[in-house]
């Protein structure tokens, strides 16, 4: 028989919004888009097919607030804004690469397991 779960198992965790939001639909993809260097908003939308301007703006703002990206606005005409991974954001590249490797290696198994269950 397994031991009961410890009611205090998450006591050491922050009692606020999770520190990283890489589990959402877009953050990890945006991190990958910024891996090679700064990008403009319009550049990010190209590989992120399906993301609305509103969602991209909100995600970038949340990432900036969390210290994962920096936003640089240039005093030019037309206005130019670039987003870049911060040093903190760069620390997520290795774990995200590992998650991508795991997904590639196990996609067939996950797909089979999902096929056994009826859609939600």
Protein backbone atom coordinates (compact mmCIF):
# COMPACT_ATOMS: atom_id res chain seq x y z
CA UNK A 1 0.00 0.00 0.00
CA UNK A 2 1.31 3.45 -0.81
CA UNK A 3 1.83 6.09 1.81
CA UNK A 4 -0.77 8.87 2.07
CA UNK A 5 0.23 12.14 0.47
CA UNK A 6 1.84 14.66 2.80
CA UNK A 7 -0.60 17.59 3.24
CA UNK A 8 2.38 19.93 3.45
CA UNK A 9 4.13 18.68 0.32
CA UNK A 10 3.77 22.07 -1.40
CA UNK A 11 4.50 24.26 1.62
CA UNK A 12 7.93 25.21 0.26
CA UNK A 13 6.37 26.37 -3.01
CA UNK A 14 5.35 29.97 -3.49
CA UNK A 15 1.68 30.58 -2.77
CA UNK A 16 1.35 32.88 -5.74
CA UNK A 17 0.98 32.47 -9.47
CA UNK A 18 3.50 29.88 -10.68
CA UNK A 19 6.86 31.49 -11.36
CA UNK A 20 7.16 30.06 -14.82
CA UNK A 21 4.38 29.93 -17.34
CA UNK A 22 6.03 27.64 -19.86
CA UNK A 23 3.11 25.24 -19.63
CA UNK A 24 0.78 27.58 -21.49
CA UNK A 25 0.25 27.28 -25.21
CA UNK A 26 2.62 30.03 -26.40
CA UNK A 27 5.40 30.85 -23.92
CA UNK A 28 7.72 27.96 -24.79
CA UNK A 29 7.26 28.67 -28.50
CA UNK A 30 8.06 32.36 -28.00
CA UNK A 31 11.19 31.41 -26.04
CA UNK A 32 12.31 29.25 -28.96
CA UNK A 33 11.59 32.09 -31.41
CA UNK A 34 13.82 34.40 -29.37
CA UNK A 35 16.61 31.87 -28.91
CA UNK A 36 18.79 33.28 -31.72
CA UNK A 37 18.38 36.92 -30.72
CA UNK A 38 15.98 39.87 -30.68
CA UNK A 39 12.83 39.80 -32.81
CA UNK A 40 10.12 42.25 -33.69
CA UNK A 41 6.47 41.55 -32.92
CA UNK A 42 5.66 40.96 -36.61
CA UNK A 43 8.55 38.49 -36.91
CA UNK A 44 7.23 36.47 -33.99
CA UNK A 45 3.81 36.12 -35.57
CA UNK A 46 5.21 34.30 -38.64
CA UNK A 47 6.04 30.93 -37.00
CA UNK A 48 3.35 31.34 -34.33
CA UNK A 49 0.52 30.66 -36.74
CA UNK A 50 -2.82 30.98 -35.06
CA UNK A 51 -1.81 33.39 -32.31
CA UNK A 52 -3.80 36.61 -32.22
CA UNK A 53 -2.12 39.97 -31.74
CA UNK A 54 -3.95 40.31 -28.41
CA UNK A 55 -2.70 36.96 -27.10
CA UNK A 56 0.86 37.58 -28.30
CA UNK A 57 0.86 41.01 -26.66
CA UNK A 58 -0.47 39.59 -23.40
CA UNK A 59 2.00 36.71 -23.38
CA UNK A 60 4.95 39.00 -24.11
CA UNK A 61 3.86 41.39 -21.35
CA UNK A 62 3.56 38.52 -18.87
CA UNK A 63 6.98 37.21 -19.89
CA UNK A 64 8.45 40.70 -19.50
CA UNK A 65 6.81 41.07 -16.07
CA UNK A 66 8.32 37.72 -15.03
CA UNK A 67 11.77 38.80 -16.23
CA UNK A 68 11.95 36.30 -19.10
CA UNK A 69 12.13 38.85 -21.92
CA UNK A 70 13.19 42.43 -22.36
CA UNK A 71 11.32 44.90 -24.52
CA UNK A 72 13.30 47.63 -26.26
CA UNK A 73 11.47 50.50 -27.96
CA UNK A 74 13.56 52.54 -30.41
CA UNK A 75 12.83 56.21 -31.04
CA UNK A 76 12.51 55.81 -34.79
CA UNK A 77 9.89 56.53 -37.39
CA UNK A 78 8.21 54.18 -37.89
CA UNK A 79 8.44 52.98 -34.30
CA UNK A 80 10.45 49.81 -33.77
CA UNK A 81 10.12 47.48 -30.77
CA UNK A 82 12.19 44.36 -30.23
CA UNK A 83 11.82 41.52 -27.76
CA UNK A 84 14.78 39.54 -26.51
CA UNK A 85 15.33 36.76 -24.01
CA UNK A 86 16.76 38.03 -20.76
CA UNK A 87 19.55 36.08 -19.05
CA UNK A 88 16.82 34.57 -16.85
CA UNK A 89 14.79 33.59 -19.93
CA UNK A 90 17.86 31.95 -21.47
CA UNK A 91 18.05 29.59 -18.49
CA UNK A 92 14.87 27.95 -19.82
CA UNK A 93 16.41 26.96 -23.17
CA UNK A 94 18.00 23.76 -21.88
CA UNK A 95 14.92 22.48 -20.00
CA UNK A 96 12.71 23.29 -23.00
CA UNK A 97 15.07 21.43 -25.32
CA UNK A 98 14.85 18.41 -23.00
CA UNK A 99 11.05 18.62 -23.03
CA UNK A 100 11.06 18.77 -26.84
CA UNK A 101 13.36 15.74 -27.02
CA UNK A 102 11.10 13.83 -24.63
CA UNK A 103 8.01 14.73 -26.67
CA UNK A 104 9.65 13.63 -29.92
CA UNK A 105 10.80 10.34 -28.39
CA UNK A 106 7.42 9.52 -26.83
CA UNK A 107 4.86 11.09 -29.16
CA UNK A 108 3.73 7.76 -30.58
CA UNK A 109 3.15 6.33 -27.10
CA UNK A 110 1.21 9.39 -25.97
CA UNK A 111 -0.87 9.35 -29.14
CA UNK A 112 -1.70 5.66 -28.62
CA UNK A 113 -2.62 6.29 -24.97
CA UNK A 114 -4.87 9.18 -25.97
CA UNK A 115 -6.57 6.98 -28.55
CA UNK A 116 -7.62 4.55 -25.82
CA UNK A 117 -9.60 7.25 -24.03
CA UNK A 118 -12.63 9.00 -25.34
CA UNK A 119 -12.34 12.74 -26.07
CA UNK A 120 -13.19 15.06 -23.20
